N, C-alpha and C. Protein backbone atom coordinates (compact mmCIF):
# COMPACT_ATOMS: atom_id res chain seq x y z
N MET A 1 108.98 88.48 116.87
CA MET A 1 110.44 88.45 116.00
C MET A 1 110.55 88.54 115.13
N ARG A 2 111.38 88.95 113.96
CA ARG A 2 111.45 89.06 112.51
C ARG A 2 112.92 89.23 112.34
N TYR A 3 112.78 88.35 111.01
CA TYR A 3 114.34 87.57 110.64
C TYR A 3 114.72 88.22 109.34
N GLU A 4 115.76 88.25 108.74
CA GLU A 4 116.09 88.78 107.21
C GLU A 4 117.11 88.31 107.03
N ALA A 5 117.12 87.68 105.90
CA ALA A 5 118.57 87.35 105.23
C ALA A 5 119.48 88.72 104.84
N ARG A 6 121.07 88.66 104.87
CA ARG A 6 121.74 89.80 104.44
C ARG A 6 123.31 88.60 104.07
N HIS A 7 123.90 89.80 103.30
CA HIS A 7 125.09 89.38 102.42
C HIS A 7 126.16 90.31 102.84
N SER A 8 127.31 89.52 103.12
CA SER A 8 129.06 89.89 103.52
C SER A 8 129.84 89.11 102.72
N ALA A 9 130.62 89.98 102.58
CA ALA A 9 131.75 89.26 101.41
C ALA A 9 132.50 88.25 102.03
N THR A 10 132.38 88.11 103.23
CA THR A 10 133.30 87.59 104.26
C THR A 10 132.44 86.33 104.64
N ARG A 11 131.14 86.44 105.20
CA ARG A 11 131.02 85.82 105.55
C ARG A 11 129.41 84.92 104.34
N GLY A 12 129.73 85.33 103.26
CA GLY A 12 128.28 84.95 102.29
C GLY A 12 126.93 85.27 102.85
N TRP A 13 126.23 84.19 103.15
CA TRP A 13 124.73 84.82 103.21
C TRP A 13 124.45 84.26 104.72
N TYR A 14 123.68 85.19 105.50
CA TYR A 14 123.75 84.71 106.71
C TYR A 14 122.19 85.22 107.10
N VAL A 15 121.72 85.01 108.26
CA VAL A 15 119.73 85.49 108.91
C VAL A 15 120.44 86.14 110.51
N VAL A 16 119.81 87.47 110.14
CA VAL A 16 119.96 88.07 111.71
C VAL A 16 118.50 88.10 112.49
N SER A 17 118.27 88.31 113.06
CA SER A 17 117.04 88.98 113.94
C SER A 17 117.08 90.54 113.72
N ASP A 18 115.66 91.12 114.15
CA ASP A 18 115.69 92.76 114.02
C ASP A 18 116.64 93.26 114.98
N GLU A 19 116.79 92.62 116.10
CA GLU A 19 117.42 92.54 117.28
C GLU A 19 118.92 92.62 117.31
N GLY A 20 119.58 92.27 115.44
CA GLY A 20 120.59 92.30 114.88
C GLY A 20 121.64 91.14 115.56
N HIS A 21 121.06 89.86 116.36
CA HIS A 21 121.73 88.57 116.33
C HIS A 21 121.57 87.32 115.72
N LEU A 22 122.46 87.15 115.40
CA LEU A 22 122.63 85.86 114.17
C LEU A 22 122.11 84.94 114.79
N ALA A 23 121.26 84.40 113.89
CA ALA A 23 120.50 83.60 113.82
C ALA A 23 121.21 81.94 113.95
N HIS A 24 120.68 81.15 115.01
CA HIS A 24 120.84 79.96 115.40
C HIS A 24 120.06 78.60 114.78
N VAL A 25 120.63 78.03 114.02
CA VAL A 25 119.29 76.54 113.50
C VAL A 25 120.27 75.44 113.80
N PRO A 26 119.25 74.29 113.68
CA PRO A 26 120.09 72.67 113.65
C PRO A 26 120.96 72.12 112.58
N ASP A 27 121.89 71.59 112.78
CA ASP A 27 122.28 71.04 111.62
C ASP A 27 121.34 70.26 111.18
N PRO A 28 121.03 70.01 110.01
CA PRO A 28 120.22 69.03 109.59
C PRO A 28 120.93 67.47 109.36
N ASP A 29 122.14 67.42 110.22
CA ASP A 29 123.01 66.05 110.11
C ASP A 29 122.70 65.74 111.33
N THR A 30 123.20 66.85 112.40
CA THR A 30 123.41 66.32 113.26
C THR A 30 122.70 67.00 114.36
N TYR A 31 121.69 67.87 114.25
CA TYR A 31 120.76 68.46 114.51
C TYR A 31 121.37 69.73 116.13
N HIS A 32 122.73 69.70 116.00
CA HIS A 32 123.64 70.48 117.01
C HIS A 32 123.22 72.11 116.49
N LEU A 33 122.83 72.84 117.39
CA LEU A 33 123.17 74.29 116.89
C LEU A 33 124.05 74.46 116.16
N ARG A 34 123.82 75.34 115.01
CA ARG A 34 124.89 75.72 114.34
C ARG A 34 124.34 77.50 113.82
N ALA A 35 125.72 78.22 113.49
CA ALA A 35 125.14 79.86 112.97
C ALA A 35 124.11 79.53 112.09
N ALA A 36 123.49 80.48 111.69
CA ALA A 36 122.81 80.54 110.38
C ALA A 36 123.42 81.02 109.30
N LEU A 37 124.21 80.17 108.46
CA LEU A 37 125.25 81.00 107.39
C LEU A 37 124.87 79.75 106.02
N PHE A 38 124.78 80.20 105.14
CA PHE A 38 124.20 79.84 104.11
C PHE A 38 125.29 80.24 102.77
N GLU A 39 125.33 79.40 101.48
CA GLU A 39 126.18 80.12 100.17
C GLU A 39 125.20 80.31 99.12
N ARG A 40 123.37 80.14 99.69
CA ARG A 40 123.11 80.07 98.32
C ARG A 40 122.11 81.47 99.29
N ARG A 41 122.02 82.84 98.37
CA ARG A 41 120.80 83.63 98.88
C ARG A 41 119.06 82.86 99.39
N GLU A 42 119.04 82.33 98.04
CA GLU A 42 117.40 81.28 99.05
C GLU A 42 117.65 80.65 99.69
N ASP A 43 118.42 80.07 100.21
CA ASP A 43 117.92 79.23 101.08
C ASP A 43 118.41 79.81 102.73
N ALA A 44 119.10 81.01 102.45
CA ALA A 44 119.13 82.15 103.74
C ALA A 44 117.42 82.80 103.84
N GLU A 45 117.17 83.16 102.34
CA GLU A 45 115.71 84.18 102.39
C GLU A 45 114.63 83.00 103.03
N ARG A 46 114.58 81.78 102.58
CA ARG A 46 113.83 80.44 103.17
C ARG A 46 114.40 80.19 104.54
N CYS A 47 115.08 80.51 105.10
CA CYS A 47 115.57 80.44 106.63
C CYS A 47 115.08 81.58 107.43
N ALA A 48 115.10 82.92 107.23
CA ALA A 48 114.54 83.81 107.87
C ALA A 48 113.19 84.29 107.58
N ALA A 49 112.36 84.15 106.19
CA ALA A 49 111.01 83.54 106.77
C ALA A 49 110.86 82.37 107.21
N GLU A 50 110.81 81.42 107.41
CA GLU A 50 110.57 80.22 108.29
C GLU A 50 110.53 80.61 109.40
N LEU A 51 111.58 81.49 110.34
CA LEU A 51 111.89 81.77 111.58
C LEU A 51 110.78 83.00 111.89
N SER A 52 110.76 83.98 110.73
CA SER A 52 110.05 85.12 111.22
C SER A 52 108.48 84.32 111.45
N ARG A 53 107.88 83.54 110.64
CA ARG A 53 106.67 82.59 110.78
C ARG A 53 106.43 81.92 111.87
N LEU A 54 107.85 81.43 112.58
CA LEU A 54 107.46 80.84 113.87
C LEU A 54 107.58 81.61 115.29
N GLY A 55 108.15 83.02 114.57
CA GLY A 55 108.27 83.84 115.60
C GLY A 55 106.88 84.39 115.84
N GLN A 56 106.30 84.46 114.72
CA GLN A 56 104.94 85.04 115.46
C GLN A 56 104.05 84.33 116.10
N LEU A 57 103.84 82.95 116.24
CA LEU A 57 103.04 82.04 116.19
C LEU A 57 103.54 81.76 117.56
N SER A 58 103.84 82.61 118.41
CA SER A 58 104.52 82.64 119.83
C SER A 58 103.80 83.73 120.77
């Protein structure tokens, strides 16, 4: 599965799968899953790249 970073005026930066689903990632403080929403483009792109890399390993 591939992931990409996208931007929305209302959401900011977020990560979606190639199937159109919003990605969920562990919160760094609580480790509970949260929507992959980011303030910075760089963070969203890094997340998308890592999720895509992990998806290719399985």
